[in-house]
Amino acid sequence: MKVNKRLTGRFIIIGLCFFMLNTFGCAPRERGYRSDNQGYENNSENRRMGRRSGYNSNNRMGGRQNNSDSYASNNRSEYDTNTNHSNIVKSASSNIDKSLTYPIVGSNQKKFYNDHTATSRPDKGDDYYGQDASYKQNSPSYQNNGDGTVTDLNTGLMWQKAFKKIEWNNAATDAKRATTGGYTDWRVPTIKESYSLILFNGSTGTGRPNSRSAPSNAIPYIATNYFDFEYGTGNRYIDAQYITSTSYLGKIMNNQEGFFGVNFADGRIKCYPKQGNRNSRKWYVRYVRGSKDYGKNKFVDNRDGTISDKTTGLMWLQTDSGNTKFQSILSRFIRKDGSMNWKEALNFCENMNFAGKSDWRLPTAKELQSLVNYNRSPSATMSPAIDPIFKATEIKDEGKSRNYPFYWSSTTHLDGRELGRNAVYVAFGEALGFMRSRYSSDYKLMDVHGAGAQRSDPKIGNPSDHPKGFGPQGDVRRIFNYVRPVRDIK
């Protein structure tokens, strides 16, 4: 038979094109981050197994796991903060305790910091020992299911890989119509579910927050090699706030109703107006499915001044650093009322011996946020945003009103021109700010972010240097915040 060389050559070229397409991909990149990590074998048998298995009795998502397609960062490795998450993928497996229904996912912060910048790893007994990276955590670990969904191997929750923008009032109905991956039980996540995805190796970079474009050294606060992400497309790149189903019981700004959202561009929780803002009525959203037990605490009073949470495996001091029983320790600090700067907070916890235990530490941002009770607030329940089994020091706020403290975490917040200068706090009282009127030069102190917000303060300094707060909402700068130590239940 005579061979047509020209036709044969064409078939070879076509075959090579298909090979290149399947092997390397050639889809155009959209603005932002689109995960290309598709190592999970997406055949029909695997897809059937994922749907059939669902959740087992240990609250873990069933389905087949492929180690080449899981993200699990080594909690002790160093990396350059000018890289994105795709450059820190490890093949390690998660050591999560599967009996816990509310396991706290690690912050993924691996570098060490002093009051201003990154530093070498401190040894036990040194200043700054006990910060986030000093202790082992549950490494973030994800599985791309190859069908538009991503499973968190720590929490067992399944997430949509993609995001969308929608008005808050329409999100719950829209979630019920979603069929991503062939599932029909999608819902809007709670604030605690959404916050489980935050990673504090993220950074706003050293650009101007009100810039339209992200600086080159900005890193999103979410694993972009698994989840799609884009910076804000409006006036500010940091406007990437995600909807949750958690409403604030109080009112924010000018008596507005709000919901708590997570901003994966600047690494914060705050309360946002349900009707939207001046620029847009829409927010970002990513739906979730799985057990609704995640984020629900089960506290046990140990009758020795400590409280155990059986869902997270953490033990907490029932009271805080403002209790009079700690006066002898506080005598060494700048202030004697229980409020302290970040270095003092680390020292306070590392040197504590309480209830016969000496392994207390300053909680990470994600551990501390697990304590927030979003059904409580100073304005709605006349209490701090924490379960009443705990005791919180009552303070006089910047307006001389009755309120409750901000609490330090061990986590550095990489935000602003001087990366490493700020550390994360969680507001268990109202997250106040000095808002300037549009029509005058007057400032009004108000609850701008809501009790339960997560923000950050300078690690050292003088609050009097910030008489009208900081940022567009005039966040109050206390710098001297309170502490609630934590330890792992052995």
Protein backbone atom coordinates (compact mmCIF):
# COMPACT_ATOMS: atom_id res chain seq x y z
CA MET A 1 0.00 0.00 0.00
CA LYS A 2 1.31 3.41 -0.93
CA VAL A 3 1.83 5.73 2.06
CA ASN A 4 0.84 9.38 1.74
CA LYS A 5 3.82 11.06 3.44
CA ARG A 6 2.15 14.48 3.54
CA LEU A 7 -0.98 13.06 5.28
CA THR A 8 1.15 11.03 7.69
CA GLY A 9 3.10 14.13 8.65
CA ARG A 10 -0.11 15.98 9.42
CA PHE A 11 -1.29 13.22 11.74
CA ILE A 12 2.04 13.31 13.56
CA ILE A 13 1.77 17.06 14.05
CA ILE A 14 -1.81 16.76 15.33
CA GLY A 15 -0.77 14.00 17.72
CA LEU A 16 2.06 16.12 19.09
CA CYS A 17 -0.37 19.02 19.65
CA PHE A 18 -2.70 16.82 21.70
CA PHE A 19 0.26 15.50 23.69
CA MET A 20 1.45 19.03 24.49
CA LEU A 21 -2.07 20.13 25.43
CA ASN A 22 -2.65 17.25 27.84
CA THR A 23 0.80 17.38 29.33
CA PHE A 24 1.47 21.08 29.79
CA GLY A 25 -1.87 22.79 29.31
CA CYS A 26 -2.40 25.87 27.23
CA ALA A 27 -5.43 27.59 28.73
CA PRO A 28 -5.03 31.35 29.08
CA ARG A 29 -4.37 32.63 32.63
CA GLU A 30 -6.98 34.90 34.16
CA ARG A 31 -6.14 37.81 36.41
CA GLY A 32 -5.38 36.44 39.85
CA TYR A 33 -4.67 32.82 40.75
CA ARG A 34 -6.13 29.71 39.14
CA SER A 35 -5.03 26.38 40.51
CA ASP A 36 -3.40 24.14 37.91
CA ASN A 37 -2.63 21.32 40.34
CA GLN A 38 -4.67 18.52 38.74
CA GLY A 39 -2.64 15.49 39.77
CA TYR A 40 -5.68 13.68 41.15
CA GLU A 41 -6.70 10.90 38.76
CA ASN A 42 -10.11 12.02 37.61
CA ASN A 43 -11.61 8.80 36.26
CA SER A 44 -15.23 7.79 36.70
CA GLU A 45 -14.46 5.22 39.40
CA ASN A 46 -12.72 7.77 41.62
CA ARG A 47 -15.58 10.23 41.14
CA ARG A 48 -18.12 7.57 42.13
CA MET A 49 -16.11 6.69 45.26
CA GLY A 50 -15.99 10.34 46.35
CA ARG A 51 -19.76 10.72 46.12
CA ARG A 52 -20.50 7.36 47.72
CA SER A 53 -18.19 7.70 50.70
CA GLY A 54 -19.21 11.09 52.07
CA TYR A 55 -18.33 11.58 55.76
CA ASN A 56 -17.47 8.70 58.05
CA SER A 57 -17.97 8.56 61.81
CA ASN A 58 -14.67 10.37 62.36
CA ASN A 59 -15.86 13.43 60.41
CA ARG A 60 -13.45 12.85 57.53
CA MET A 61 -14.35 13.17 53.88
CA GLY A 62 -14.22 9.86 52.06
CA GLY A 63 -12.82 9.30 48.60
CA ARG A 64 -9.44 8.39 47.23
CA GLN A 65 -6.35 10.35 48.22
CA ASN A 66 -3.38 10.84 45.96
CA ASN A 67 -0.27 12.03 47.84
CA SER A 68 1.06 13.79 44.76
CA ASP A 69 -1.98 16.07 44.86
CA SER A 70 -2.05 17.00 48.52
CA TYR A 71 -0.70 20.19 50.08
CA ALA A 72 0.93 19.71 53.47
CA SER A 73 3.53 22.24 54.47
CA ASN A 74 6.42 21.34 56.75
CA ASN A 75 5.99 23.52 59.79
CA ARG A 76 9.71 23.96 60.30
CA SER A 77 11.03 24.75 56.82
CA GLU A 78 12.13 28.24 55.76
CA TYR A 79 11.04 29.91 52.57
CA ASP A 80 11.27 33.26 50.84
CA THR A 81 8.20 35.40 51.55
CA ASN A 82 8.39 36.73 47.98
CA THR A 83 7.00 33.43 46.68
CA ASN A 84 3.45 32.22 46.33
CA HIS A 85 2.02 29.09 47.90
CA SER A 86 2.79 26.87 44.91
CA ASN A 87 6.46 27.04 45.83
CA ILE A 88 6.02 25.58 49.31
CA VAL A 89 4.13 22.38 48.46
CA LYS A 90 5.37 19.40 50.44
CA SER A 91 4.40 15.74 50.22
CA ALA A 92 4.18 15.26 53.97
CA SER A 93 0.98 13.79 55.40
CA SER A 94 -1.17 15.39 58.10
CA ASN A 95 -0.86 14.11 61.68
CA ILE A 96 -4.29 15.38 62.66
CA ASP A 97 -6.10 13.75 65.58
CA LYS A 98 -9.15 12.32 63.81
CA SER A 99 -11.17 12.16 67.04
CA LEU A 100 -11.43 15.97 67.08
CA THR A 101 -14.44 17.56 65.40
CA TYR A 102 -12.88 21.04 65.39
CA PRO A 103 -9.17 20.56 64.62
CA ILE A 104 -7.31 23.85 64.29
CA VAL A 105 -5.42 24.04 61.00
CA GLY A 106 -1.93 25.48 61.38
CA SER A 107 -1.19 29.06 60.36
CA ASN A 108 1.64 28.03 57.99
CA GLN A 109 3.87 30.74 59.46
CA LYS A 110 7.41 29.35 59.48
CA LYS A 111 9.68 32.34 59.93
CA PHE A 112 10.49 34.01 63.23
CA TYR A 113 10.11 37.69 64.03
CA ASN A 114 11.15 40.24 66.62
CA ASP A 115 9.38 43.55 67.14
CA HIS A 116 10.17 44.79 63.64
CA THR A 117 11.35 42.17 61.19
CA ALA A 118 12.31 38.56 60.55
CA THR A 119 15.02 37.15 62.81
CA SER A 120 16.82 33.90 63.57
CA ARG A 121 15.00 31.20 65.46
CA PRO A 122 15.02 31.99 69.21
CA ASP A 123 15.84 29.24 71.68
CA LYS A 124 13.70 28.44 74.70
CA GLY A 125 14.31 31.11 77.30
CA ASP A 126 15.20 33.76 74.73
CA ASP A 127 13.15 36.83 73.95
CA TYR A 128 10.48 36.10 71.33
CA TYR A 129 10.46 32.36 72.01
CA GLY A 130 6.93 30.95 72.01
CA GLN A 131 5.74 32.72 68.89
CA ASP A 132 3.72 30.98 66.18
CA ALA A 133 6.55 29.07 64.49
CA SER A 134 8.04 27.85 67.80
CA TYR A 135 5.49 25.07 68.19
CA LYS A 136 4.29 22.22 66.01
CA GLN A 137 0.85 22.63 64.43
CA ASN A 138 -1.49 20.73 62.12
CA SER A 139 0.07 21.42 58.73
CA PRO A 140 -2.36 22.65 56.07
CA SER A 141 -3.24 19.69 53.83
CA TYR A 142 -5.56 19.69 50.81
CA GLN A 143 -6.68 17.35 48.07
CA ASN A 144 -7.78 18.50 44.63
CA ASN A 145 -10.63 16.16 43.68
CA GLY A 146 -10.40 16.99 39.99
CA ASP A 147 -14.06 17.97 39.71
CA GLY A 148 -14.00 21.59 40.82
CA THR A 149 -13.83 20.70 44.51
CA VAL A 150 -11.03 20.68 47.09
CA THR A 151 -11.06 18.65 50.32
CA ASP A 152 -9.34 19.95 53.44
CA LEU A 153 -7.70 16.83 54.85
CA ASN A 154 -7.55 18.35 58.35
CA THR A 155 -11.13 19.55 58.76
CA GLY A 156 -12.83 17.11 56.39
CA LEU A 157 -14.70 19.99 54.75
CA MET A 158 -15.08 20.08 50.98
CA TRP A 159 -14.81 23.46 49.24
CA GLN A 160 -15.47 24.83 45.82
CA LYS A 161 -12.20 25.50 44.05
CA ALA A 162 -13.67 28.55 42.29
CA PHE A 163 -15.16 31.74 43.73
CA LYS A 164 -17.88 34.09 42.55
CA LYS A 165 -19.15 37.55 43.45
CA ILE A 166 -22.67 37.96 44.79
CA GLU A 167 -24.78 40.07 47.12
CA TRP A 168 -24.89 38.77 50.70
CA ASN A 169 -28.68 38.48 50.71
CA ASN A 170 -28.61 36.18 47.65
CA ALA A 171 -25.75 33.89 48.68
CA ALA A 172 -27.71 31.32 50.72
CA THR A 173 -30.21 30.72 47.90
CA ASP A 174 -27.47 30.59 45.30
CA ALA A 175 -25.55 27.99 47.32
CA LYS A 176 -28.58 25.68 47.33
CA ARG A 177 -28.65 25.79 43.53
CA ALA A 178 -24.94 24.93 43.20
CA THR A 179 -24.05 21.50 41.74
CA THR A 180 -20.25 21.68 41.69
CA GLY A 181 -18.71 18.21 41.47
CA GLY A 182 -22.18 16.68 41.22
CA TYR A 183 -23.08 17.60 44.83
CA THR A 184 -26.25 19.43 45.78
CA ASP A 185 -25.70 20.18 49.48
CA TRP A 186 -23.51 23.29 49.18
CA ARG A 187 -23.94 26.11 51.71
CA VAL A 188 -22.43 29.44 52.72
CA PRO A 189 -19.63 28.76 55.24
CA THR A 190 -19.64 30.05 58.80
CA ILE A 191 -16.89 32.46 59.83
CA LYS A 192 -15.01 29.67 61.63
CA GLU A 193 -15.19 27.39 58.60
CA SER A 194 -13.93 30.13 56.29
CA TYR A 195 -11.16 31.17 58.70
CA SER A 196 -9.85 27.59 58.71
CA LEU A 197 -8.49 28.32 55.20
CA ILE A 198 -6.43 31.38 56.17
CA LEU A 199 -2.62 31.06 55.99
CA PHE A 200 -0.38 33.55 57.75
CA ASN A 201 2.61 33.19 55.50
CA GLY A 202 0.46 35.50 53.40
CA SER A 203 1.46 39.14 53.15
CA THR A 204 -0.08 42.36 51.92
CA GLY A 205 3.33 43.29 50.58
CA THR A 206 4.93 46.68 51.06
CA GLY A 207 2.75 48.64 48.65
CA ARG A 208 0.08 51.19 49.45
CA PRO A 209 -3.15 49.56 50.73
CA ASN A 210 -5.27 51.95 48.66
CA SER A 211 -3.47 50.99 45.45
CA ARG A 212 -5.47 49.35 42.67
CA SER A 213 -2.74 46.78 41.95
CA ALA A 214 -1.00 44.40 44.36
CA PRO A 215 2.73 44.93 44.94
CA SER A 216 5.08 42.29 43.58
CA ASN A 217 5.83 40.91 47.06
CA ALA A 218 2.18 40.44 48.07
CA ILE A 219 1.10 36.86 48.87
CA PRO A 220 -2.58 35.87 49.27
CA TYR A 221 -3.62 34.45 52.64
CA ILE A 222 -4.97 31.26 51.04
CA ALA A 223 -3.38 28.28 49.26
CA THR A 224 -3.55 29.53 45.68
CA ASN A 225 -2.18 26.27 44.28
CA TYR A 226 -5.50 24.73 45.35
CA PHE A 227 -8.02 27.59 45.43
CA ASP A 228 -8.75 30.19 42.77
CA PHE A 229 -8.13 33.72 43.95
CA GLU A 230 -8.01 37.27 42.66
CA TYR A 231 -7.15 40.55 44.29
CA GLY A 232 -9.84 43.20 44.42
CA THR A 233 -10.77 44.57 41.01
CA GLY A 234 -12.14 47.90 42.25
CA ASN A 235 -10.40 50.80 43.92
CA ARG A 236 -8.16 48.72 46.21
CA TYR A 237 -6.34 45.45 45.63
CA ILE A 238 -6.89 44.44 49.27
CA ASP A 239 -10.67 44.29 48.78
CA ALA A 240 -11.04 40.50 48.56
CA GLN A 241 -13.59 39.94 51.32
CA TYR A 242 -15.46 36.62 51.44
CA ILE A 243 -19.04 36.18 52.60
CA THR A 244 -19.93 33.95 55.54
CA SER A 245 -23.29 33.06 57.07
CA THR A 246 -22.28 34.54 60.45
CA SER A 247 -24.13 37.76 61.23
CA TYR A 248 -23.06 40.28 63.84
CA LEU A 249 -25.50 40.73 66.71
CA GLY A 250 -24.52 44.34 67.15
CA LYS A 251 -24.41 47.19 64.65
CA ILE A 252 -21.41 48.59 62.79
CA MET A 253 -20.47 51.96 61.33
CA ASN A 254 -23.62 54.09 61.16
CA ASN A 255 -26.00 51.57 62.73
CA GLN A 256 -25.68 49.07 59.87
CA GLU A 257 -26.36 45.34 60.00
CA GLY A 258 -23.32 43.30 59.12
CA PHE A 259 -21.85 39.87 58.55
CA PHE A 260 -18.38 38.63 59.47
CA GLY A 261 -16.13 37.98 56.50
CA VAL A 262 -12.57 36.84 55.88
CA ASN A 263 -10.30 38.98 53.71
CA PHE A 264 -7.81 36.69 51.98
CA ALA A 265 -5.96 39.67 50.52
CA ASP A 266 -5.03 41.33 53.82
CA GLY A 267 -5.42 38.52 56.39
CA ARG A 268 -8.21 39.88 58.59
CA ILE A 269 -11.73 39.25 59.86
CA LYS A 270 -14.12 42.14 60.09
CA CYS A 271 -17.81 42.87 59.91
CA TYR A 272 -19.07 44.10 56.52
CA PRO A 273 -22.40 45.77 55.73
CA LYS A 274 -24.93 43.29 54.38
CA GLN A 275 -26.21 45.76 51.82
CA GLY A 276 -22.71 46.28 50.40
CA ASN A 277 -20.64 49.45 50.32
CA ARG A 278 -20.45 52.60 48.21
CA ASN A 279 -18.52 50.88 45.43
CA SER A 280 -20.39 47.58 45.13
CA ARG A 281 -23.17 45.53 46.66
CA LYS A 282 -21.33 42.31 45.86
CA TRP A 283 -18.74 40.32 47.80
CA TYR A 284 -16.70 37.21 47.06
CA VAL A 285 -17.98 33.80 48.14
CA ARG A 286 -16.79 30.19 48.09
CA TYR A 287 -19.29 27.53 49.15
CA VAL A 288 -18.62 24.57 51.44
CA ARG A 289 -20.20 21.20 52.18
CA GLY A 290 -19.73 18.56 54.87
CA SER A 291 -20.27 18.22 58.59
CA LYS A 292 -21.75 21.25 60.34
CA ASP A 293 -19.96 20.39 63.59
CA TYR A 294 -16.79 22.22 62.61
CA GLY A 295 -16.48 25.39 64.66
CA LYS A 296 -18.68 24.18 67.52
CA ASN A 297 -16.91 24.05 70.89
CA LYS A 298 -17.47 21.66 73.78
CA PHE A 299 -16.05 23.25 76.92
CA VAL A 300 -15.42 21.40 80.18
CA ASP A 301 -14.66 23.19 83.44
CA ASN A 302 -11.74 21.35 85.06
CA ARG A 303 -12.41 23.07 88.43
CA ASP A 304 -8.80 24.19 88.71
CA GLY A 305 -8.99 27.48 86.86
CA THR A 306 -8.67 25.83 83.44
CA ILE A 307 -11.18 25.02 80.69
CA SER A 308 -10.75 22.16 78.20
CA ASP A 309 -12.24 22.21 74.72
CA LYS A 310 -12.89 18.60 73.75
CA THR A 311 -13.43 19.52 70.09
CA THR A 312 -10.06 21.24 69.53
CA GLY A 313 -7.87 19.39 72.03
CA LEU A 314 -6.85 22.67 73.70
CA MET A 315 -6.85 23.71 77.35
CA TRP A 316 -7.29 27.37 78.26
CA LEU A 317 -6.96 29.56 81.31
CA GLN A 318 -10.45 30.31 82.55
CA THR A 319 -9.44 33.87 83.34
CA ASP A 320 -7.03 36.22 81.58
CA SER A 321 -3.91 38.21 82.34
CA GLY A 322 -5.94 40.93 84.04
CA ASN A 323 -6.80 38.72 87.00
CA THR A 324 -5.33 39.87 90.33
CA LYS A 325 -3.73 36.46 90.91
CA PHE A 326 -1.05 37.42 88.37
CA GLN A 327 0.01 40.67 90.08
CA SER A 328 3.43 39.33 91.07
CA ILE A 329 4.22 38.44 87.44
CA LEU A 330 2.84 41.72 86.09
CA SER A 331 5.07 43.74 88.40
CA ARG A 332 7.93 43.09 85.96
CA PHE A 333 6.04 44.54 82.98
CA ILE A 334 5.52 48.09 81.73
CA ARG A 335 1.90 48.12 82.83
CA LYS A 336 0.52 46.34 85.87
CA ASP A 337 -3.13 45.89 84.86
CA GLY A 338 -2.75 42.78 82.67
CA SER A 339 -2.28 44.61 79.37
CA MET A 340 1.11 44.13 77.76
CA ASN A 341 3.07 44.46 74.54
CA TRP A 342 3.73 41.46 72.31
CA LYS A 343 7.14 40.48 73.71
CA GLU A 344 5.77 40.67 77.24
CA ALA A 345 2.81 38.51 76.19
CA LEU A 346 5.15 35.78 74.94
CA ASN A 347 7.16 36.00 78.17
CA PHE A 348 4.03 35.93 80.34
CA CYS A 349 2.88 32.64 78.84
CA GLU A 350 6.26 30.93 78.55
CA ASN A 351 7.02 31.49 82.24
CA MET A 352 3.59 30.59 83.58
CA ASN A 353 3.12 27.71 85.99
CA PHE A 354 -0.59 27.25 86.63
CA ALA A 355 -2.78 24.33 87.75
CA GLY A 356 0.33 22.18 88.05
CA LYS A 357 1.26 22.72 84.40
CA SER A 358 4.18 24.67 82.96
CA ASP A 359 3.72 24.18 79.20
CA TRP A 360 1.46 27.19 78.64
CA ARG A 361 1.97 29.31 75.55
CA LEU A 362 0.53 32.26 73.67
CA PRO A 363 -2.16 30.95 71.26
CA THR A 364 -1.85 31.29 67.50
CA ALA A 365 -4.32 33.50 65.67
CA LYS A 366 -6.42 30.52 64.60
CA GLU A 367 -6.42 28.94 68.06
CA LEU A 368 -7.48 32.22 69.65
CA GLN A 369 -10.26 32.82 67.12
CA SER A 370 -11.67 29.36 67.94
CA LEU A 371 -12.77 30.78 71.31
CA VAL A 372 -14.98 33.52 69.85
CA ASN A 373 -18.69 33.07 70.45
CA TYR A 374 -20.37 34.99 67.64
CA ASN A 375 -23.72 34.80 69.42
CA ARG A 376 -22.45 37.20 72.07
CA SER A 377 -21.34 40.83 71.99
CA PRO A 378 -21.15 43.82 74.35
CA SER A 379 -24.07 45.61 72.68
CA ALA A 380 -26.36 42.58 72.28
CA THR A 381 -25.66 40.45 75.37
CA MET A 382 -23.72 42.94 77.53
CA SER A 383 -20.81 40.53 77.53
CA PRO A 384 -17.57 39.76 75.68
CA ALA A 385 -17.77 37.55 72.61
CA ILE A 386 -16.79 34.40 74.47
CA ASP A 387 -18.63 31.57 76.21
CA PRO A 388 -19.71 32.59 79.75
CA ILE A 389 -17.71 29.67 81.16
CA PHE A 390 -14.72 32.01 80.71
CA LYS A 391 -13.93 35.20 82.62
CA ALA A 392 -12.78 38.34 80.84
CA THR A 393 -11.39 41.54 82.34
CA GLU A 394 -13.69 44.51 81.99
CA ILE A 395 -11.96 47.66 80.70
CA LYS A 396 -12.74 51.28 79.96
CA ASP A 397 -12.32 51.85 76.23
CA GLU A 398 -11.07 54.93 74.39
CA GLY A 399 -14.45 56.57 74.88
CA LYS A 400 -14.45 55.78 78.63
CA SER A 401 -17.24 53.24 78.13
CA ARG A 402 -17.48 49.73 79.56
CA ASN A 403 -15.91 47.24 77.17
CA TYR A 404 -13.66 44.19 76.88
CA PRO A 405 -10.08 43.70 75.67
CA PHE A 406 -8.26 42.77 72.53
CA TYR A 407 -6.15 39.62 73.05
CA TRP A 408 -2.71 38.96 71.61
CA SER A 409 -1.89 35.93 69.50
CA SER A 410 1.58 34.52 68.80
CA THR A 411 1.12 35.14 65.05
CA THR A 412 2.92 37.95 63.25
CA HIS A 413 0.80 39.81 60.69
CA LEU A 414 2.82 40.60 57.56
CA ASP A 415 1.11 43.84 56.74
CA GLY A 416 2.33 47.33 55.92
CA ARG A 417 5.60 48.95 54.92
CA GLU A 418 7.56 47.25 57.72
CA LEU A 419 6.73 43.54 57.44
CA GLY A 420 7.04 41.92 60.86
CA ARG A 421 6.11 45.00 62.91
CA ASN A 422 2.53 43.91 63.67
CA ALA A 423 1.01 40.91 65.44
CA VAL A 424 -2.51 39.53 65.25
CA TYR A 425 -5.08 40.19 67.95
CA VAL A 426 -8.71 39.10 68.28
CA ALA A 427 -11.26 41.58 69.64
CA PHE A 428 -13.50 39.99 72.27
CA GLY A 429 -14.93 43.45 72.92
CA GLU A 430 -16.04 45.92 70.29
CA ALA A 431 -13.48 46.53 67.53
CA LEU A 432 -13.54 50.31 67.74
CA GLY A 433 -12.40 52.94 65.29
CA PHE A 434 -12.38 56.72 64.93
CA MET A 435 -14.51 57.38 61.87
CA ARG A 436 -14.31 60.80 60.28
CA SER A 437 -17.51 62.41 59.07
CA ARG A 438 -17.82 63.02 55.34
CA TYR A 439 -19.20 66.44 55.98
CA SER A 440 -16.85 67.73 58.69
CA SER A 441 -13.46 67.18 60.29
CA ASP A 442 -15.02 65.60 63.37
CA TYR A 443 -14.16 62.04 64.41
CA LYS A 444 -16.60 59.69 66.08
CA LEU A 445 -15.59 56.59 68.05
CA MET A 446 -17.76 53.62 67.03
CA ASP A 447 -17.80 49.86 66.64
CA VAL A 448 -16.40 49.60 63.11
CA HIS A 449 -15.47 45.92 62.83
CA GLY A 450 -17.54 44.05 65.44
CA ALA A 451 -16.72 41.98 68.52
CA GLY A 452 -15.04 38.86 67.14
CA ALA A 453 -12.98 40.72 64.53
CA GLN A 454 -9.34 39.79 63.93
CA ARG A 455 -6.98 42.70 63.33
CA SER A 456 -3.37 43.53 64.23
CA ASP A 457 -1.46 46.01 66.37
CA PRO A 458 2.16 47.19 66.42
CA LYS A 459 4.14 44.91 68.73
CA ILE A 460 5.62 47.86 70.60
CA GLY A 461 4.95 51.56 70.83
CA ASN A 462 2.85 54.15 72.58
CA PRO A 463 -0.91 54.27 71.98
CA SER A 464 -0.81 58.04 72.44
CA ASP A 465 1.03 58.25 69.12
CA HIS A 466 -2.24 57.17 67.46
CA PRO A 467 -4.86 59.54 68.92
CA LYS A 468 -7.28 58.92 66.02
CA GLY A 469 -6.37 55.33 65.32
CA PHE A 470 -5.00 53.90 62.09
CA GLY A 471 -6.30 53.14 58.62
CA PRO A 472 -9.47 54.15 56.75
CA GLN A 473 -11.74 53.18 59.68
CA GLY A 474 -9.38 54.64 62.31
CA ASP A 475 -8.77 51.32 64.10
CA VAL A 476 -7.84 52.07 67.70
CA ARG A 477 -4.21 51.25 68.47
CA ARG A 478 -3.92 49.81 71.97
CA ILE A 479 -0.58 47.99 71.58
CA PHE A 480 -0.94 46.86 75.19
CA ASN A 481 -3.38 43.99 74.86
CA TYR A 482 -4.46 41.17 77.16
CA VAL A 483 -3.53 37.49 77.12
CA ARG A 484 -5.32 34.15 77.56
CA PRO A 485 -2.72 31.34 77.66
CA VAL A 486 -3.33 27.94 76.08
CA ARG A 487 -1.77 24.48 76.14
CA ASP A 488 -2.31 21.19 74.32
CA ILE A 489 -4.28 18.51 76.13
CA LYS A 490 -1.88 15.60 76.43
